N, C-alpha and C. Protein backbone atom coordinates (compact mmCIF):
# COMPACT_ATOMS: atom_id res chain seq x y z
N MET A 1 -8.51 -49.98 -87.00
CA MET A 1 -8.43 -48.83 -86.69
C MET A 1 -10.06 -48.24 -85.58
N LYS A 2 -10.84 -49.03 -85.37
CA LYS A 2 -11.75 -49.06 -84.49
C LYS A 2 -11.52 -49.64 -83.32
N PHE A 3 -10.06 -50.33 -83.23
CA PHE A 3 -9.98 -50.49 -82.19
C PHE A 3 -9.10 -49.13 -81.45
N VAL A 4 -7.85 -48.38 -82.27
CA VAL A 4 -7.50 -47.34 -81.86
C VAL A 4 -7.96 -46.38 -81.29
N ALA A 5 -9.61 -46.14 -82.48
CA ALA A 5 -10.59 -45.01 -82.04
C ALA A 5 -11.21 -45.22 -80.71
N LEU A 6 -11.41 -46.49 -80.40
CA LEU A 6 -12.55 -46.74 -79.15
C LEU A 6 -11.02 -46.69 -77.94
N THR A 7 -9.82 -47.05 -78.12
CA THR A 7 -8.53 -46.80 -77.06
C THR A 7 -8.27 -45.49 -76.68
N VAL A 8 -8.52 -44.51 -77.65
CA VAL A 8 -8.58 -43.21 -77.59
C VAL A 8 -9.12 -42.52 -76.66
N ALA A 9 -10.63 -42.86 -77.10
CA ALA A 9 -11.60 -42.58 -76.59
C ALA A 9 -11.94 -42.80 -74.93
N ALA A 10 -11.38 -44.12 -74.78
CA ALA A 10 -11.49 -44.23 -73.35
C ALA A 10 -10.34 -43.95 -72.60
N SER A 11 -9.23 -43.60 -73.06
CA SER A 11 -8.02 -42.87 -72.46
C SER A 11 -8.50 -41.38 -72.07
N LEU A 12 -9.16 -40.71 -72.57
CA LEU A 12 -9.49 -39.53 -72.77
C LEU A 12 -10.93 -39.29 -71.89
N ALA A 13 -11.39 -40.39 -71.72
CA ALA A 13 -12.66 -40.54 -70.93
C ALA A 13 -12.13 -40.47 -69.49
N ALA A 14 -11.07 -41.38 -69.37
CA ALA A 14 -10.06 -41.77 -68.00
C ALA A 14 -9.59 -40.43 -67.50
N SER A 15 -9.03 -40.07 -68.60
CA SER A 15 -8.23 -38.91 -68.16
C SER A 15 -9.09 -37.76 -67.72
N ALA A 16 -10.03 -37.64 -68.20
CA ALA A 16 -10.65 -36.64 -67.98
C ALA A 16 -11.98 -36.55 -66.49
N SER A 17 -11.87 -38.10 -66.03
CA SER A 17 -12.74 -38.06 -65.02
C SER A 17 -11.58 -37.96 -63.76
N PHE A 18 -10.20 -38.39 -63.98
CA PHE A 18 -9.40 -37.80 -62.80
C PHE A 18 -8.52 -36.54 -62.96
N ALA A 19 -8.81 -35.81 -63.70
CA ALA A 19 -8.11 -34.71 -63.87
C ALA A 19 -8.10 -33.75 -62.74
N GLY A 20 -9.41 -33.57 -61.89
CA GLY A 20 -9.41 -32.67 -60.74
C GLY A 20 -8.89 -34.04 -59.57
N GLY A 21 -8.35 -34.49 -59.83
CA GLY A 21 -8.29 -35.46 -58.30
C GLY A 21 -9.48 -35.90 -57.63
N TYR A 22 -8.99 -36.90 -56.32
CA TYR A 22 -9.86 -36.83 -55.01
C TYR A 22 -10.06 -35.58 -54.27
N VAL A 23 -11.42 -34.70 -54.38
CA VAL A 23 -11.43 -33.92 -53.43
C VAL A 23 -12.40 -34.06 -51.79
N ALA A 24 -11.60 -34.03 -51.02
CA ALA A 24 -12.38 -34.55 -49.77
C ALA A 24 -13.48 -33.38 -49.43
N PRO A 25 -14.67 -33.72 -49.07
CA PRO A 25 -15.90 -32.85 -49.09
C PRO A 25 -15.32 -31.82 -47.57
N VAL A 26 -15.91 -30.54 -47.43
CA VAL A 26 -15.35 -29.72 -46.83
C VAL A 26 -16.59 -29.81 -45.30
N VAL A 27 -15.51 -30.26 -44.15
CA VAL A 27 -16.73 -30.27 -43.30
C VAL A 27 -16.19 -28.77 -42.28
N GLU A 28 -17.18 -28.12 -42.04
CA GLU A 28 -17.13 -26.73 -41.35
C GLU A 28 -16.94 -27.24 -39.82
N THR A 29 -16.17 -26.84 -39.26
CA THR A 29 -15.94 -26.76 -37.55
C THR A 29 -16.34 -25.72 -36.94
N ALA A 30 -16.81 -25.94 -35.80
CA ALA A 30 -17.20 -24.44 -35.00
C ALA A 30 -16.04 -23.82 -34.44
N PRO A 31 -16.00 -22.80 -34.69
CA PRO A 31 -14.96 -21.85 -33.68
C PRO A 31 -14.78 -21.91 -32.56
N VAL A 32 -13.44 -21.91 -32.02
CA VAL A 32 -12.99 -21.99 -30.78
C VAL A 32 -12.78 -20.74 -30.23
N VAL A 33 -13.43 -20.91 -28.84
CA VAL A 33 -13.36 -19.63 -28.27
C VAL A 33 -12.42 -19.75 -27.26
N ALA A 34 -11.81 -19.47 -27.00
CA ALA A 34 -10.76 -18.78 -26.10
C ALA A 34 -11.46 -18.35 -24.69
N PRO A 35 -11.36 -19.41 -23.44
CA PRO A 35 -12.32 -18.96 -22.02
C PRO A 35 -11.46 -17.26 -21.69
N VAL A 36 -12.21 -16.67 -21.43
CA VAL A 36 -12.37 -15.00 -20.38
C VAL A 36 -11.80 -15.07 -19.45
N VAL A 37 -10.32 -14.69 -19.07
CA VAL A 37 -9.72 -14.84 -17.83
C VAL A 37 -10.10 -13.39 -17.39
N PRO A 38 -10.35 -12.92 -15.89
CA PRO A 38 -10.89 -11.99 -15.71
C PRO A 38 -9.18 -10.89 -15.23
N VAL A 39 -9.03 -10.15 -15.70
CA VAL A 39 -7.68 -9.67 -15.35
C VAL A 39 -7.98 -8.52 -14.32
N GLU A 40 -7.52 -8.37 -13.22
CA GLU A 40 -7.67 -7.81 -12.30
C GLU A 40 -6.94 -6.42 -12.11
N ALA A 41 -7.76 -5.17 -12.26
CA ALA A 41 -7.06 -4.25 -12.43
C ALA A 41 -6.10 -3.60 -11.46
N GLY A 42 -4.98 -2.94 -11.75
CA GLY A 42 -3.77 -2.56 -11.00
C GLY A 42 -4.71 -1.96 -9.68
N THR A 43 -3.79 -1.78 -8.71
CA THR A 43 -4.45 -0.66 -7.12
C THR A 43 -4.05 0.84 -7.56
N ASP A 44 -4.75 1.30 -7.60
CA ASP A 44 -4.25 2.83 -7.51
C ASP A 44 -4.30 3.32 -6.05
N TRP A 45 -3.13 3.51 -5.86
CA TRP A 45 -3.25 4.43 -3.99
C TRP A 45 -3.33 5.92 -4.22
N THR A 46 -3.32 6.78 -5.09
CA THR A 46 -3.45 8.13 -5.40
C THR A 46 -4.76 8.59 -5.11
N GLY A 47 -4.16 9.38 -3.92
CA GLY A 47 -5.22 10.40 -3.37
C GLY A 47 -5.44 10.34 -2.25
N PHE A 48 -6.17 11.12 -1.97
CA PHE A 48 -6.30 11.88 -0.16
C PHE A 48 -7.17 10.76 0.71
N TYR A 49 -6.61 10.86 1.78
CA TYR A 49 -7.05 10.16 2.93
C TYR A 49 -7.25 10.40 4.65
N ALA A 50 -8.12 9.90 5.20
CA ALA A 50 -7.78 10.60 6.55
C ALA A 50 -8.39 9.09 7.26
N GLY A 51 -8.09 8.99 8.90
CA GLY A 51 -8.43 8.43 9.90
C GLY A 51 -8.20 8.50 11.14
N LEU A 52 -8.43 7.21 12.03
CA LEU A 52 -7.75 7.27 13.16
C LEU A 52 -6.95 6.26 13.45
N GLN A 53 -6.08 6.27 14.75
CA GLN A 53 -5.20 5.69 14.86
C GLN A 53 -5.58 5.49 16.89
N TYR A 54 -4.88 4.30 17.04
CA TYR A 54 -5.14 4.10 18.50
C TYR A 54 -3.57 2.94 18.43
N GLY A 55 -2.59 3.26 19.69
CA GLY A 55 -1.63 2.74 20.12
C GLY A 55 -0.87 2.27 21.67
N LYS A 56 0.27 2.01 21.33
CA LYS A 56 0.83 2.14 22.69
C LYS A 56 1.56 2.17 22.74
N GLY A 57 2.74 3.17 23.43
CA GLY A 57 3.99 3.88 23.72
C GLY A 57 4.91 3.49 25.03
N ASN A 58 5.87 4.06 24.88
CA ASN A 58 6.85 4.25 25.94
C ASN A 58 7.59 5.75 25.51
N ALA A 59 7.62 6.58 26.78
CA ALA A 59 8.62 7.85 26.74
C ALA A 59 9.42 7.46 28.06
N GLU A 60 11.14 7.63 27.33
CA GLU A 60 11.75 7.62 28.30
C GLU A 60 12.91 8.73 28.24
N LEU A 61 13.37 9.25 29.31
CA LEU A 61 13.91 10.26 29.30
C LEU A 61 15.08 9.92 29.58
N SER A 62 16.41 10.76 29.11
CA SER A 62 18.04 10.31 29.28
C SER A 62 18.22 10.22 30.68
N ASP A 63 19.71 10.10 30.77
CA ASP A 63 20.18 9.32 32.13
C ASP A 63 19.27 9.11 32.95
N GLY A 64 18.22 7.83 32.40
CA GLY A 64 17.79 7.41 33.68
C GLY A 64 16.52 8.23 34.67
N LEU A 65 16.48 9.60 33.91
CA LEU A 65 15.41 10.49 34.77
C LEU A 65 13.96 9.96 34.92
N GLY A 66 13.44 8.84 33.97
CA GLY A 66 12.53 8.14 34.11
C GLY A 66 11.89 7.64 32.99
N ASP A 67 10.88 6.70 32.89
CA ASP A 67 10.02 6.32 31.73
C ASP A 67 8.86 6.11 31.99
N SER A 68 7.99 6.41 31.22
CA SER A 68 6.09 5.90 31.18
C SER A 68 5.98 5.57 30.26
N ASP A 69 4.65 4.09 30.28
CA ASP A 69 4.28 3.86 29.18
C ASP A 69 2.82 4.99 29.19
N TYR A 70 2.62 4.89 27.61
CA TYR A 70 1.28 5.55 27.52
C TYR A 70 0.79 5.29 26.14
N ASP A 71 -0.67 5.69 26.44
CA ASP A 71 -1.94 5.01 25.55
C ASP A 71 -1.82 6.40 24.30
N GLY A 72 -1.73 6.00 22.83
CA GLY A 72 -1.86 7.48 22.23
C GLY A 72 -3.29 7.04 21.14
N TYR A 73 -3.40 8.20 20.94
CA TYR A 73 -4.98 7.65 20.33
C TYR A 73 -5.20 9.15 19.77
N GLY A 74 -5.38 9.43 18.01
CA GLY A 74 -5.15 10.69 17.72
C GLY A 74 -6.15 10.47 16.19
N VAL A 75 -6.01 11.35 15.03
CA VAL A 75 -6.36 11.22 13.62
C VAL A 75 -5.19 11.34 12.56
N HIS A 76 -5.15 10.92 11.71
CA HIS A 76 -4.37 11.33 10.92
C HIS A 76 -5.38 11.87 9.12
N ALA A 77 -4.34 12.56 8.35
CA ALA A 77 -4.77 13.01 7.10
C ALA A 77 -3.88 13.01 5.96
N GLY A 78 -3.47 12.64 4.98
CA GLY A 78 -2.26 12.80 3.84
C GLY A 78 -2.66 12.45 2.59
N TYR A 79 -1.81 12.53 1.81
CA TYR A 79 -1.81 12.31 0.71
C TYR A 79 -0.92 11.57 -0.32
N LEU A 80 -1.26 10.53 -1.21
CA LEU A 80 -0.47 9.84 -1.77
C LEU A 80 -0.46 10.01 -3.48
N ARG A 81 0.55 9.58 -4.31
CA ARG A 81 0.78 9.76 -4.99
C ARG A 81 1.53 8.42 -6.06
N ASP A 82 0.63 7.11 -6.77
CA ASP A 82 0.92 6.55 -6.83
C ASP A 82 1.99 6.22 -8.31
N PHE A 83 3.22 5.75 -8.35
CA PHE A 83 3.77 6.00 -9.53
C PHE A 83 4.55 4.91 -10.02
N GLY A 84 3.51 3.54 -9.59
CA GLY A 84 3.54 2.63 -10.67
C GLY A 84 4.19 1.64 -9.34
N LYS A 85 5.14 1.32 -9.62
CA LYS A 85 5.77 0.47 -8.00
C LYS A 85 5.90 1.19 -6.71
N LEU A 86 6.31 2.04 -7.05
CA LEU A 86 6.75 3.36 -5.62
C LEU A 86 5.69 4.10 -5.64
N ILE A 87 5.23 4.18 -4.24
CA ILE A 87 4.41 5.04 -3.74
C ILE A 87 5.11 6.41 -2.91
N ALA A 88 4.78 7.40 -3.19
CA ALA A 88 5.26 8.66 -2.09
C ALA A 88 4.21 9.64 -1.97
N GLY A 89 4.12 10.28 -0.27
CA GLY A 89 3.38 11.28 -0.24
C GLY A 89 3.73 11.79 1.18
N ALA A 90 2.74 12.45 1.87
CA ALA A 90 3.07 13.26 3.09
C ALA A 90 1.70 13.10 4.08
N GLU A 91 2.00 12.81 5.61
CA GLU A 91 0.77 12.96 6.26
C GLU A 91 1.34 13.79 7.33
N LEU A 92 -0.20 14.13 7.91
CA LEU A 92 0.17 15.06 9.42
C LEU A 92 -1.02 14.64 10.44
N ASP A 93 0.00 14.10 11.42
CA ASP A 93 -1.09 13.48 12.66
C ASP A 93 -1.16 13.94 13.41
N TYR A 94 -2.27 13.48 14.51
CA TYR A 94 -2.11 14.47 16.26
C TYR A 94 -2.87 13.38 16.97
N ASN A 95 -1.55 12.97 17.78
CA ASN A 95 -1.82 11.89 18.87
C ASN A 95 -2.00 12.28 19.98
N LYS A 96 -2.89 11.99 21.13
CA LYS A 96 -3.01 12.31 22.84
C LYS A 96 -2.27 11.66 23.09
N ALA A 97 -1.40 11.65 24.39
CA ALA A 97 -0.70 10.53 24.57
C ALA A 97 -1.04 10.61 26.62
N ASP A 98 -1.62 9.65 26.74
CA ASP A 98 -1.90 9.69 28.03
C ASP A 98 -0.82 8.63 28.43
N LEU A 99 -0.01 8.98 29.99
CA LEU A 99 1.12 9.14 30.48
C LEU A 99 0.38 7.97 31.70
N ASP A 100 0.70 6.37 31.83
CA ASP A 100 0.25 5.50 32.81
C ASP A 100 0.90 6.23 34.49
N GLU A 101 1.98 6.31 34.19
CA GLU A 101 2.59 6.57 35.80
C GLU A 101 2.12 7.68 36.24
N VAL A 102 2.06 8.94 35.49
CA VAL A 102 1.27 9.66 36.16
C VAL A 102 0.47 10.33 35.68
N ASP A 103 -0.94 11.04 36.14
CA ASP A 103 -2.18 11.80 35.58
C ASP A 103 -1.42 12.75 34.96
N ALA A 104 -1.36 12.77 33.54
CA ALA A 104 -1.01 13.87 32.35
C ALA A 104 -1.07 12.73 31.59
N ASP A 105 -0.91 13.87 30.14
CA ASP A 105 -0.87 13.43 29.13
C ASP A 105 -0.28 14.77 27.99
N ALA A 106 0.04 14.68 27.19
CA ALA A 106 1.04 15.24 26.11
C ALA A 106 0.37 15.39 24.82
N ASP A 107 0.55 16.21 24.01
CA ASP A 107 0.27 16.67 22.61
C ASP A 107 1.49 16.18 21.62
N LEU A 108 1.27 15.42 20.76
CA LEU A 108 1.89 14.79 19.67
C LEU A 108 1.65 15.18 18.55
N TRP A 109 2.13 16.31 17.53
CA TRP A 109 2.08 16.66 16.27
C TRP A 109 3.17 16.12 15.57
N ARG A 110 2.97 15.47 14.40
CA ARG A 110 3.75 15.08 13.08
C ARG A 110 4.08 15.52 11.92
N LEU A 111 4.55 15.72 10.83
CA LEU A 111 4.28 16.01 9.44
C LEU A 111 5.72 14.94 9.09
N ARG A 112 4.86 14.06 8.02
CA ARG A 112 6.07 12.95 7.56
C ARG A 112 5.91 13.08 6.20
N ALA A 113 6.81 12.47 5.69
CA ALA A 113 7.15 12.15 4.15
C ALA A 113 6.54 10.35 4.40
N ARG A 114 6.24 9.96 3.58
CA ARG A 114 6.15 8.99 3.75
C ARG A 114 6.47 7.96 2.24
N ALA A 115 7.23 6.90 1.86
CA ALA A 115 7.37 6.31 0.89
C ALA A 115 7.09 4.80 1.01
N GLY A 116 6.27 4.40 -0.25
CA GLY A 116 5.99 2.40 -0.17
C GLY A 116 6.33 1.78 -0.98
N TYR A 117 5.77 0.94 -1.12
CA TYR A 117 6.05 -0.27 -2.49
C TYR A 117 4.81 -0.62 -2.79
N ASP A 118 4.21 -0.74 -3.73
CA ASP A 118 3.00 -1.27 -3.91
C ASP A 118 3.14 -2.42 -4.18
N MET A 119 2.24 -3.12 -3.49
CA MET A 119 2.08 -4.66 -3.85
C MET A 119 0.42 -5.07 -3.54
N GLY A 120 -0.20 -4.56 -4.84
CA GLY A 120 -1.35 -4.45 -4.77
C GLY A 120 -2.04 -3.84 -3.96
N LYS A 121 -2.96 -4.93 -3.15
CA LYS A 121 -3.58 -4.03 -1.80
C LYS A 121 -2.93 -4.04 -0.89
N PHE A 122 -1.97 -4.37 -0.59
CA PHE A 122 -0.75 -4.07 0.56
C PHE A 122 -0.08 -3.21 0.39
N GLN A 123 0.59 -2.99 0.92
CA GLN A 123 1.31 -1.57 0.92
C GLN A 123 2.65 -1.29 2.02
N PRO A 124 4.06 -1.93 1.81
CA PRO A 124 4.71 -1.70 3.20
C PRO A 124 5.26 -0.11 3.00
N TYR A 125 5.63 0.78 3.90
CA TYR A 125 6.15 1.88 3.82
C TYR A 125 7.05 2.53 4.95
N VAL A 126 7.59 3.13 4.70
CA VAL A 126 8.66 3.88 5.76
C VAL A 126 8.51 5.49 5.60
N THR A 127 8.65 6.02 7.16
CA THR A 127 8.20 7.69 7.23
C THR A 127 9.41 8.18 7.76
N LEU A 128 9.39 9.26 7.60
CA LEU A 128 10.51 10.56 8.27
C LEU A 128 10.06 12.04 8.22
N GLY A 129 9.82 12.35 8.99
CA GLY A 129 9.87 13.86 9.34
C GLY A 129 10.01 14.54 10.59
N ALA A 130 9.27 15.73 11.00
CA ALA A 130 9.16 16.51 11.74
C ALA A 130 8.39 16.16 13.18
N ALA A 131 8.65 16.21 14.45
CA ALA A 131 7.27 15.90 15.48
C ALA A 131 7.53 17.02 16.60
N HIS A 132 6.24 17.16 17.00
CA HIS A 132 6.44 18.86 17.88
C HIS A 132 5.70 17.99 19.25
N ILE A 133 6.26 17.97 20.51
CA ILE A 133 5.08 17.43 21.41
C ILE A 133 5.23 18.51 22.60
N SER A 134 4.29 18.62 23.13
CA SER A 134 4.15 19.54 24.31
C SER A 134 3.69 19.25 25.81
N ALA A 135 3.80 19.83 26.90
CA ALA A 135 2.98 19.44 28.07
C ALA A 135 2.79 20.36 28.47
N ASP A 136 1.57 20.70 29.89
CA ASP A 136 1.32 21.86 30.41
C ASP A 136 0.38 21.17 31.82
N ASP A 137 1.33 20.31 32.34
CA ASP A 137 0.81 19.02 33.69
C ASP A 137 1.80 18.50 34.26
N ASP A 138 1.16 17.65 34.98
CA ASP A 138 1.99 16.89 35.81
C ASP A 138 3.42 16.64 35.32
N ALA A 139 3.31 16.26 33.84
CA ALA A 139 4.17 15.63 33.02
C ALA A 139 5.26 16.80 32.69
N GLY A 140 5.11 17.92 33.38
CA GLY A 140 6.34 18.87 33.45
C GLY A 140 5.26 19.94 32.17
N ASP A 141 6.40 21.00 32.02
CA ASP A 141 5.51 22.28 31.04
C ASP A 141 6.69 22.32 30.30
N PHE A 142 6.46 21.86 28.98
CA PHE A 142 7.54 21.64 27.87
C PHE A 142 6.79 21.45 26.50
N SER A 143 7.75 21.83 25.48
CA SER A 143 7.76 22.04 24.15
C SER A 143 8.42 21.64 23.36
N GLU A 144 8.48 21.10 22.76
CA GLU A 144 10.10 20.87 21.65
C GLU A 144 9.64 20.10 20.68
N THR A 145 10.37 20.29 19.06
CA THR A 145 10.32 19.95 17.96
C THR A 145 11.53 18.58 17.83
N GLY A 146 11.32 17.79 17.35
CA GLY A 146 12.22 16.19 16.83
C GLY A 146 11.93 16.10 15.99
N ILE A 147 12.99 15.04 15.50
CA ILE A 147 12.62 14.20 14.42
C ILE A 147 11.93 12.60 14.74
N THR A 148 11.05 12.20 13.70
CA THR A 148 10.74 11.10 13.80
C THR A 148 10.46 10.33 12.77
N TYR A 149 10.61 9.10 13.00
CA TYR A 149 10.72 8.40 11.64
C TYR A 149 10.05 6.65 12.05
N GLY A 150 10.18 6.05 11.24
CA GLY A 150 9.35 4.78 11.61
C GLY A 150 8.81 3.73 9.83
N LEU A 151 8.24 2.61 10.30
CA LEU A 151 7.52 2.08 9.35
C LEU A 151 6.47 1.55 9.72
N GLY A 152 5.95 1.03 8.26
CA GLY A 152 4.43 0.61 8.38
C GLY A 152 4.24 -0.27 7.10
N ALA A 153 2.70 -1.16 7.69
CA ALA A 153 2.18 -1.23 6.15
C ALA A 153 0.75 -1.45 6.28
N GLU A 154 0.22 -1.21 4.85
CA GLU A 154 -1.31 -0.65 4.74
C GLU A 154 -2.03 -1.90 4.00
N TYR A 155 -3.05 -2.40 4.21
CA TYR A 155 -3.61 -3.05 3.24
C TYR A 155 -5.34 -2.47 2.82
N LEU A 156 -5.42 -2.58 1.54
CA LEU A 156 -6.83 -2.29 1.22
C LEU A 156 -8.25 -3.42 1.54
N LEU A 157 -8.58 -3.08 2.47
CA LEU A 157 -10.27 -3.98 2.53
C LEU A 157 -11.04 -3.56 1.46
N THR A 158 -11.28 -2.46 0.95
CA THR A 158 -11.88 -2.11 -0.46
C THR A 158 -11.25 -0.80 -1.04
N GLU A 159 -11.67 -0.79 -1.83
CA GLU A 159 -11.29 0.49 -2.75
C GLU A 159 -11.37 1.92 -1.67
N ASN A 160 -12.40 2.52 -0.81
CA ASN A 160 -12.43 3.39 -0.12
C ASN A 160 -11.60 3.11 1.14
N PHE A 161 -11.41 1.86 1.85
CA PHE A 161 -11.00 1.71 3.24
C PHE A 161 -9.78 0.88 3.62
N SER A 162 -8.99 1.12 4.33
CA SER A 162 -7.88 0.66 4.46
C SER A 162 -7.45 0.25 5.91
N VAL A 163 -6.86 -0.33 6.29
CA VAL A 163 -6.04 -0.58 7.69
C VAL A 163 -5.08 -0.86 7.63
N GLY A 164 -4.23 -0.64 8.85
CA GLY A 164 -2.63 -1.06 9.08
C GLY A 164 -2.10 -1.24 10.08
N ALA A 165 -1.11 -0.92 10.09
CA ALA A 165 -0.06 -0.99 11.50
C ALA A 165 1.08 -0.21 11.39
N GLU A 166 1.74 0.62 12.31
CA GLU A 166 2.94 0.94 12.26
C GLU A 166 3.50 0.94 13.31
N TYR A 167 4.89 1.24 13.49
CA TYR A 167 6.12 1.43 14.30
C TYR A 167 6.32 2.89 14.21
N SER A 168 6.96 3.60 15.03
CA SER A 168 7.40 4.73 14.82
C SER A 168 7.85 5.55 15.86
N ARG A 169 9.25 6.15 15.84
CA ARG A 169 10.26 6.43 16.91
C ARG A 169 10.19 8.30 16.96
N SER A 170 10.08 8.88 17.89
CA SER A 170 10.52 10.15 17.91
C SER A 170 11.47 10.84 19.00
N ASP A 171 12.61 11.45 18.53
CA ASP A 171 13.41 11.97 19.30
C ASP A 171 13.77 13.59 19.77
N PHE A 172 13.78 13.81 20.73
CA PHE A 172 13.56 15.08 21.31
C PHE A 172 14.42 15.35 22.21
N SER A 173 15.68 16.51 21.96
CA SER A 173 16.59 17.41 22.55
C SER A 173 16.51 18.13 23.31
N ASP A 174 17.05 18.06 24.50
CA ASP A 174 16.63 19.09 25.54
C ASP A 174 15.15 19.77 25.69
N VAL A 175 14.52 18.77 26.40
CA VAL A 175 13.49 18.89 26.80
C VAL A 175 12.62 19.81 27.74
N ILE A 176 13.39 19.09 29.23
CA ILE A 176 12.89 19.94 30.33
C ILE A 176 14.09 20.77 30.47
N ALA A 177 15.40 20.31 30.21
CA ALA A 177 16.49 21.02 30.65
C ALA A 177 17.37 20.33 29.66
N ASP A 178 18.72 21.74 29.59
CA ASP A 178 19.79 21.47 28.52
C ASP A 178 20.17 19.64 28.88
N GLY A 179 20.89 18.86 28.07
CA GLY A 179 20.94 17.45 28.02
C GLY A 179 19.70 16.68 28.47
N ILE A 180 18.87 17.13 28.77
CA ILE A 180 17.66 15.97 28.94
C ILE A 180 16.75 15.64 27.60
N ASP A 181 17.36 14.74 26.99
CA ASP A 181 16.65 14.25 26.10
C ASP A 181 15.40 13.48 26.33
N LEU A 182 14.79 13.22 25.31
CA LEU A 182 12.93 12.67 25.13
C LEU A 182 13.30 11.77 24.05
N ASP A 183 12.59 10.48 24.33
CA ASP A 183 12.63 9.15 23.43
C ASP A 183 11.23 8.53 23.38
N THR A 184 10.54 8.24 22.32
CA THR A 184 9.55 7.88 22.53
C THR A 184 9.15 6.97 21.49
N ASP A 185 8.52 5.89 21.80
CA ASP A 185 8.27 4.86 20.42
C ASP A 185 6.83 4.33 20.68
N LEU A 186 6.27 4.12 19.98
CA LEU A 186 4.81 4.09 19.60
C LEU A 186 4.45 3.04 18.49
N VAL A 187 3.71 2.29 18.52
CA VAL A 187 3.59 1.18 17.84
C VAL A 187 1.74 1.13 17.63
N GLN A 188 0.94 1.05 16.73
CA GLN A 188 -0.23 1.71 16.40
C GLN A 188 -1.29 0.94 15.51
N VAL A 189 -2.45 1.01 15.50
CA VAL A 189 -2.99 0.18 14.41
C VAL A 189 -4.01 1.40 13.87
N ARG A 190 -4.22 1.13 12.41
CA ARG A 190 -4.98 2.57 11.78
C ARG A 190 -5.88 1.97 11.07
N ALA A 191 -6.75 2.93 10.52
CA ALA A 191 -8.30 2.41 10.10
C ALA A 191 -8.07 4.10 9.28
N SER A 192 -8.62 4.15 7.78
CA SER A 192 -8.28 5.03 7.08
C SER A 192 -9.30 4.96 5.93
N TYR A 193 -9.91 5.92 5.70
CA TYR A 193 -11.00 6.24 4.33
C TYR A 193 -10.36 7.34 3.47
N ARG A 194 -10.40 6.53 2.15
CA ARG A 194 -9.72 7.20 1.28
C ARG A 194 -10.59 7.77 0.33
N PHE A 195 -10.43 9.13 -0.44
CA PHE A 195 -11.35 9.79 -1.08
C PHE A 195 -10.85 9.85 -2.33
């Protein structure tokens, strides 16, 4: 009976020591911090802008009556609204056209709608609108309104300053006399300050 009592006591002691099983020690690990990736804020083209432009152009009368190269320089001002990927707005510009072949100049005013595509700091765009040209010197005495259209691209150097390039064409009917049309091409570089 002693043997049975000892066996029962040994069994109880052994089972009590294994009741919880083996527990591994807890080792605290340092938390893993993910690196912070800077996210560039989206470019917003919304707002008023104004600037200067300079370019070279060609003015050609219909029926082979003549053409002339010219320097075109002036000012522009407008407003753009950024709708996400689409940018739309309007612009008014003035260009003084100094004709090379004759000692004359002309005034070119344009009011144009503008639609562009937001590619961050880069924006390609198209324009369409009305143009008014007038001269009162050796180039002739005329004043005519026509259509103007073109395409260009603009790049933001800073939040407030952009540069760009643009090609535009303006078509005028019956400028000097009936049936005498004037077509002008103009390639310009532009700089704008955004408010």
